[in-house]
Amino acid sequence: MEPSRPASCPAQARPQGRLAFACLLLACVLLAALALPAAAQETVVPKRNVRTGYAKVLSVTPVYQTLTASRMEQQCEGAEAEEPPRRGIARLVDKVKDALGGEEEAPAPAPSAEDCRMVRVEREFRRPIAYDVDYIYRGMKYRSRLPYDPGHRLKVQVTLEPYVAPPDGE
């Protein structure tokens, strides 16, 4: 004989609770599915049409930054200015003269410490910081400022998007 179960047994209430939960879950999914197309229409992200190509460089003009540096040097009265070392062929000629026993120069008189003073000497340095580049791509001339010298060819990125007119109210 089977034992009888009372009507308020939790085992009998379980199937009804599951059915109610499943119905509630199905209703939520349907509502979300109905609302999804409306939300998707507002957030459409168009695919970009991007291609790369090469343009012919017409000219490159460096853009310079000028820096000024100063330092203190000792300058003496009565002393001849020291010549910078010679370069190239002039240096070779001097070496040959020295080897053949050329003219001997008398040493310059040494100035006293009283004749010397410290003087500020300023120098300017220029360095390229960018390049203005004129180039032609498919018959049209363009100009861009680049951080490097591109050489004879410039790789370009071309994006094509349709024009969308603003609404009449704006």
C-alpha atoms as a PDB file:
ATOM      1  CA  MET A   1       0.000   0.000   0.000  1.00  0.00           C
ATOM      2  CA  GLU A   2       1.141   3.474  -0.781  1.00  0.00           C
ATOM      3  CA  PRO A   3       1.209   6.016   1.954  1.00  0.00           C
ATOM      4  CA  SER A   4      -1.093   8.934   1.260  1.00  0.00           C
ATOM      5  CA  ARG A   5       0.388  12.387   0.889  1.00  0.00           C
ATOM      6  CA  PRO A   6      -1.277  15.441   2.244  1.00  0.00           C
ATOM      7  CA  ALA A   7      -2.379  18.073  -0.314  1.00  0.00           C
ATOM      8  CA  SER A   8       0.053  20.674   1.025  1.00  0.00           C
ATOM      9  CA  CYS A   9       3.099  18.520   0.386  1.00  0.00           C
ATOM     10  CA  PRO A  10       6.113  20.508  -0.989  1.00  0.00           C
ATOM     11  CA  ALA A  11       6.748  17.810  -3.606  1.00  0.00           C
ATOM     12  CA  GLN A  12       3.433  18.597  -5.294  1.00  0.00           C
ATOM     13  CA  ALA A  13       3.992  22.399  -5.150  1.00  0.00           C
ATOM     14  CA  ARG A  14       7.324  22.166  -6.970  1.00  0.00           C
ATOM     15  CA  PRO A  15       5.988  21.461 -10.461  1.00  0.00           C
ATOM     16  CA  GLN A  16       3.562  24.366 -10.242  1.00  0.00           C
ATOM     17  CA  GLY A  17       6.355  26.715  -9.038  1.00  0.00           C
ATOM     18  CA  ARG A  18       8.581  25.655 -11.892  1.00  0.00           C
ATOM     19  CA  LEU A  19       5.803  26.311 -14.381  1.00  0.00           C
ATOM     20  CA  ALA A  20       5.222  29.816 -12.996  1.00  0.00           C
ATOM     21  CA  PHE A  21       8.951  30.563 -13.086  1.00  0.00           C
ATOM     22  CA  ALA A  22       9.220  29.303 -16.682  1.00  0.00           C
ATOM     23  CA  CYS A  23       6.249  31.460 -17.724  1.00  0.00           C
ATOM     24  CA  LEU A  24       7.783  34.520 -16.066  1.00  0.00           C
ATOM     25  CA  LEU A  25      11.145  33.854 -17.726  1.00  0.00           C
ATOM     26  CA  LEU A  26       9.486  33.424 -21.148  1.00  0.00           C
ATOM     27  CA  ALA A  27       7.612  36.714 -20.718  1.00  0.00           C
ATOM     28  CA  CYS A  28      10.864  38.559 -19.893  1.00  0.00           C
ATOM     29  CA  VAL A  29      12.614  37.071 -22.912  1.00  0.00           C
ATOM     30  CA  LEU A  30       9.743  38.073 -25.210  1.00  0.00           C
ATOM     31  CA  LEU A  31       9.699  41.627 -23.873  1.00  0.00           C
ATOM     32  CA  ALA A  32      13.460  41.903 -24.332  1.00  0.00           C
ATOM     33  CA  ALA A  33      13.197  40.520 -27.861  1.00  0.00           C
ATOM     34  CA  LEU A  34      10.523  43.081 -28.753  1.00  0.00           C
ATOM     35  CA  ALA A  35      12.561  45.958 -27.322  1.00  0.00           C
ATOM     36  CA  LEU A  36      15.834  44.805 -28.948  1.00  0.00           C
ATOM     37  CA  PRO A  37      15.069  45.846 -32.562  1.00  0.00           C
ATOM     38  CA  ALA A  38      14.137  49.371 -31.437  1.00  0.00           C
ATOM     39  CA  ALA A  39      17.378  49.727 -29.496  1.00  0.00           C
ATOM     40  CA  ALA A  40      19.412  48.234 -32.344  1.00  0.00           C
ATOM     41  CA  GLN A  41      18.035  50.791 -34.809  1.00  0.00           C
ATOM     42  CA  GLU A  42      19.310  53.640 -32.646  1.00  0.00           C
ATOM     43  CA  THR A  43      22.865  52.270 -32.324  1.00  0.00           C
ATOM     44  CA  VAL A  44      23.720  51.185 -35.863  1.00  0.00           C
ATOM     45  CA  VAL A  45      27.450  51.435 -36.458  1.00  0.00           C
ATOM     46  CA  PRO A  46      28.191  51.645 -40.185  1.00  0.00           C
ATOM     47  CA  LYS A  47      31.116  49.723 -41.582  1.00  0.00           C
ATOM     48  CA  ARG A  48      33.896  52.078 -42.668  1.00  0.00           C
ATOM     49  CA  ASN A  49      35.252  51.821 -46.170  1.00  0.00           C
ATOM     50  CA  VAL A  50      38.994  52.240 -45.616  1.00  0.00           C
ATOM     51  CA  ARG A  51      41.699  51.525 -48.168  1.00  0.00           C
ATOM     52  CA  THR A  52      45.386  52.280 -48.438  1.00  0.00           C
ATOM     53  CA  GLY A  53      47.336  53.514 -51.409  1.00  0.00           C
ATOM     54  CA  TYR A  54      50.488  55.401 -52.363  1.00  0.00           C
ATOM     55  CA  ALA A  55      50.834  59.063 -53.297  1.00  0.00           C
ATOM     56  CA  LYS A  56      53.692  60.680 -55.201  1.00  0.00           C
ATOM     57  CA  VAL A  57      55.602  63.194 -53.068  1.00  0.00           C
ATOM     58  CA  LEU A  58      56.134  66.510 -54.856  1.00  0.00           C
ATOM     59  CA  SER A  59      58.138  68.399 -52.213  1.00  0.00           C
ATOM     60  CA  VAL A  60      59.296  68.145 -48.614  1.00  0.00           C
ATOM     61  CA  THR A  61      60.065  71.264 -46.563  1.00  0.00           C
ATOM     62  CA  PRO A  62      61.580  70.824 -43.091  1.00  0.00           C
ATOM     63  CA  VAL A  63      60.117  72.854 -40.220  1.00  0.00           C
ATOM     64  CA  TYR A  64      62.914  73.898 -37.868  1.00  0.00           C
ATOM     65  CA  GLN A  65      63.059  74.687 -34.180  1.00  0.00           C
ATOM     66  CA  THR A  66      65.766  77.192 -33.257  1.00  0.00           C
ATOM     67  CA  LEU A  67      67.513  76.650 -29.934  1.00  0.00           C
ATOM     68  CA  THR A  68      69.919  79.072 -28.292  1.00  0.00           C
ATOM     69  CA  ALA A  69      72.663  77.808 -26.028  1.00  0.00           C
ATOM     70  CA  SER A  70      75.104  79.956 -24.096  1.00  0.00           C
ATOM     71  CA  ARG A  71      78.258  79.226 -22.168  1.00  0.00           C
ATOM     72  CA  MET A  72      81.006  81.193 -20.496  1.00  0.00           C
ATOM     73  CA  GLU A  73      84.440  81.273 -22.166  1.00  0.00           C
ATOM     74  CA  GLN A  74      87.676  82.917 -21.159  1.00  0.00           C
ATOM     75  CA  GLN A  75      88.750  85.738 -23.497  1.00  0.00           C
ATOM     76  CA  CYS A  76      92.163  87.354 -23.148  1.00  0.00           C
ATOM     77  CA  GLU A  77      93.395  90.721 -24.470  1.00  0.00           C
ATOM     78  CA  GLY A  78      96.461  90.612 -26.681  1.00  0.00           C
ATOM     79  CA  ALA A  79      96.125  86.919 -27.487  1.00  0.00           C
ATOM     80  CA  GLU A  80      95.404  85.886 -31.015  1.00  0.00           C
ATOM     81  CA  ALA A  81      92.202  84.022 -31.580  1.00  0.00           C
ATOM     82  CA  GLU A  82      92.847  80.334 -31.970  1.00  0.00           C
ATOM     83  CA  GLU A  83      92.025  79.143 -35.462  1.00  0.00           C
ATOM     84  CA  PRO A  84      89.757  76.152 -35.840  1.00  0.00           C
ATOM     85  CA  PRO A  85      91.491  73.049 -37.226  1.00  0.00           C
ATOM     86  CA  ARG A  86      91.654  72.959 -41.002  1.00  0.00           C
ATOM     87  CA  ARG A  87      89.866  70.265 -42.970  1.00  0.00           C
ATOM     88  CA  GLY A  88      90.207  68.456 -46.249  1.00  0.00           C
ATOM     89  CA  ILE A  89      92.982  69.404 -48.678  1.00  0.00           C
ATOM     90  CA  ALA A  90      94.152  72.360 -46.559  1.00  0.00           C
ATOM     91  CA  ARG A  91      94.895  69.928 -43.724  1.00  0.00           C
ATOM     92  CA  LEU A  92      96.820  67.660 -46.113  1.00  0.00           C
ATOM     93  CA  VAL A  93      98.879  70.609 -47.392  1.00  0.00           C
ATOM     94  CA  ASP A  94      99.732  71.613 -43.801  1.00  0.00           C
ATOM     95  CA  LYS A  95     100.920  68.053 -43.059  1.00  0.00           C
ATOM     96  CA  VAL A  96     103.154  68.067 -46.141  1.00  0.00           C
ATOM     97  CA  LYS A  97     104.630  71.468 -45.175  1.00  0.00           C
ATOM     98  CA  ASP A  98     105.363  70.190 -41.675  1.00  0.00           C
ATOM     99  CA  ALA A  99     107.016  67.057 -43.075  1.00  0.00           C
ATOM    100  CA  LEU A 100     109.198  69.048 -45.493  1.00  0.00           C
ATOM    101  CA  GLY A 101     110.304  71.482 -42.764  1.00  0.00           C
ATOM    102  CA  GLY A 102     108.129  74.423 -43.633  1.00  0.00           C
ATOM    103  CA  GLU A 103     108.246  77.806 -41.969  1.00  0.00           C
ATOM    104  CA  GLU A 104     108.583  77.863 -38.225  1.00  0.00           C
ATOM    105  CA  GLU A 105     106.174  80.218 -36.501  1.00  0.00           C
ATOM    106  CA  ALA A 106     107.149  82.053 -33.348  1.00  0.00           C
ATOM    107  CA  PRO A 107     104.919  81.193 -30.427  1.00  0.00           C
ATOM    108  CA  ALA A 108     102.468  83.924 -29.428  1.00  0.00           C
ATOM    109  CA  PRO A 109     103.247  85.735 -26.175  1.00  0.00           C
ATOM    110  CA  ALA A 110     101.223  84.321 -23.294  1.00  0.00           C
ATOM    111  CA  PRO A 111      98.819  86.899 -21.836  1.00  0.00           C
ATOM    112  CA  SER A 112      98.789  87.507 -18.113  1.00  0.00           C
ATOM    113  CA  ALA A 113      95.814  86.604 -15.960  1.00  0.00           C
ATOM    114  CA  GLU A 114      94.987  90.311 -15.623  1.00  0.00           C
ATOM    115  CA  ASP A 115      94.291  90.555 -19.361  1.00  0.00           C
ATOM    116  CA  CYS A 116      91.650  87.744 -19.307  1.00  0.00           C
ATOM    117  CA  ARG A 117      87.948  87.886 -18.506  1.00  0.00           C
ATOM    118  CA  MET A 118      84.948  85.560 -18.739  1.00  0.00           C
ATOM    119  CA  VAL A 119      82.592  86.292 -21.647  1.00  0.00           C
ATOM    120  CA  ARG A 120      79.182  84.798 -22.443  1.00  0.00           C
ATOM    121  CA  VAL A 121      79.122  83.183 -25.884  1.00  0.00           C
ATOM    122  CA  GLU A 122      75.767  82.317 -27.465  1.00  0.00           C
ATOM    123  CA  ARG A 123      75.229  79.838 -30.271  1.00  0.00           C
ATOM    124  CA  GLU A 124      72.115  78.963 -32.212  1.00  0.00           C
ATOM    125  CA  PHE A 125      71.205  75.459 -33.251  1.00  0.00           C
ATOM    126  CA  ARG A 126      68.449  74.499 -35.660  1.00  0.00           C
ATOM    127  CA  ARG A 127      66.850  71.081 -35.691  1.00  0.00           C
ATOM    128  CA  PRO A 128      63.993  69.769 -37.819  1.00  0.00           C
ATOM    129  CA  ILE A 129      60.863  68.984 -35.802  1.00  0.00           C
ATOM    130  CA  ALA A 130      58.417  68.263 -38.657  1.00  0.00           C
ATOM    131  CA  TYR A 131      58.112  68.197 -42.439  1.00  0.00           C
ATOM    132  CA  ASP A 132      55.548  69.940 -44.666  1.00  0.00           C
ATOM    133  CA  VAL A 133      54.851  67.455 -47.465  1.00  0.00           C
ATOM    134  CA  ASP A 134      53.134  68.264 -50.751  1.00  0.00           C
ATOM    135  CA  TYR A 135      51.880  65.171 -52.551  1.00  0.00           C
ATOM    136  CA  ILE A 136      49.516  64.115 -55.305  1.00  0.00           C
ATOM    137  CA  TYR A 137      46.999  61.273 -55.064  1.00  0.00           C
ATOM    138  CA  ARG A 138      44.701  60.378 -57.965  1.00  0.00           C
ATOM    139  CA  GLY A 139      45.197  63.763 -59.624  1.00  0.00           C
ATOM    140  CA  MET A 140      44.512  65.860 -56.506  1.00  0.00           C
ATOM    141  CA  LYS A 141      47.222  67.795 -54.644  1.00  0.00           C
ATOM    142  CA  TYR A 142      47.391  67.652 -50.853  1.00  0.00           C
ATOM    143  CA  ARG A 143      49.618  69.012 -48.077  1.00  0.00           C
ATOM    144  CA  SER A 144      50.260  67.445 -44.667  1.00  0.00           C
ATOM    145  CA  ARG A 145      52.664  68.040 -41.798  1.00  0.00           C
ATOM    146  CA  LEU A 146      54.428  64.810 -40.863  1.00  0.00           C
ATOM    147  CA  PRO A 147      56.929  63.945 -38.105  1.00  0.00           C
ATOM    148  CA  TYR A 148      59.248  62.286 -40.649  1.00  0.00           C
ATOM    149  CA  ASP A 149      60.551  62.768 -44.203  1.00  0.00           C
ATOM    150  CA  PRO A 150      58.530  60.297 -46.317  1.00  0.00           C
ATOM    151  CA  GLY A 151      60.903  60.110 -49.289  1.00  0.00           C
ATOM    152  CA  HIS A 152      59.478  59.783 -52.826  1.00  0.00           C
ATOM    153  CA  ARG A 153      56.289  57.849 -51.941  1.00  0.00           C
ATOM    154  CA  LEU A 154      53.804  58.361 -49.140  1.00  0.00           C
ATOM    155  CA  LYS A 155      51.458  55.649 -47.922  1.00  0.00           C
ATOM    156  CA  VAL A 156      47.969  57.158 -47.530  1.00  0.00           C
ATOM    157  CA  GLN A 157      44.729  55.927 -46.003  1.00  0.00           C
ATOM    158  CA  VAL A 158      41.536  56.740 -47.916  1.00  0.00           C
ATOM    159  CA  THR A 159      38.123  56.662 -46.215  1.00  0.00           C
ATOM    160  CA  LEU A 160      34.892  56.953 -48.181  1.00  0.00           C
ATOM    161  CA  GLU A 161      31.642  57.690 -46.358  1.00  0.00           C
ATOM    162  CA  PRO A 162      28.265  58.803 -47.718  1.00  0.00           C
ATOM    163  CA  TYR A 163      27.117  62.306 -46.879  1.00  0.00           C
ATOM    164  CA  VAL A 164      24.160  62.333 -44.486  1.00  0.00           C
ATOM    165  CA  ALA A 165      22.281  65.636 -44.473  1.00  0.00           C
ATOM    166  CA  PRO A 166      21.245  66.965 -41.055  1.00  0.00           C
ATOM    167  CA  PRO A 167      17.526  66.914 -40.210  1.00  0.00           C
ATOM    168  CA  ASP A 168      15.522  70.004 -41.289  1.00  0.00           C
ATOM    169  CA  GLY A 169      15.019  71.121 -37.683  1.00  0.00           C
ATOM    170  CA  GLU A 170      18.749  71.650 -37.114  1.00  0.00           C
END
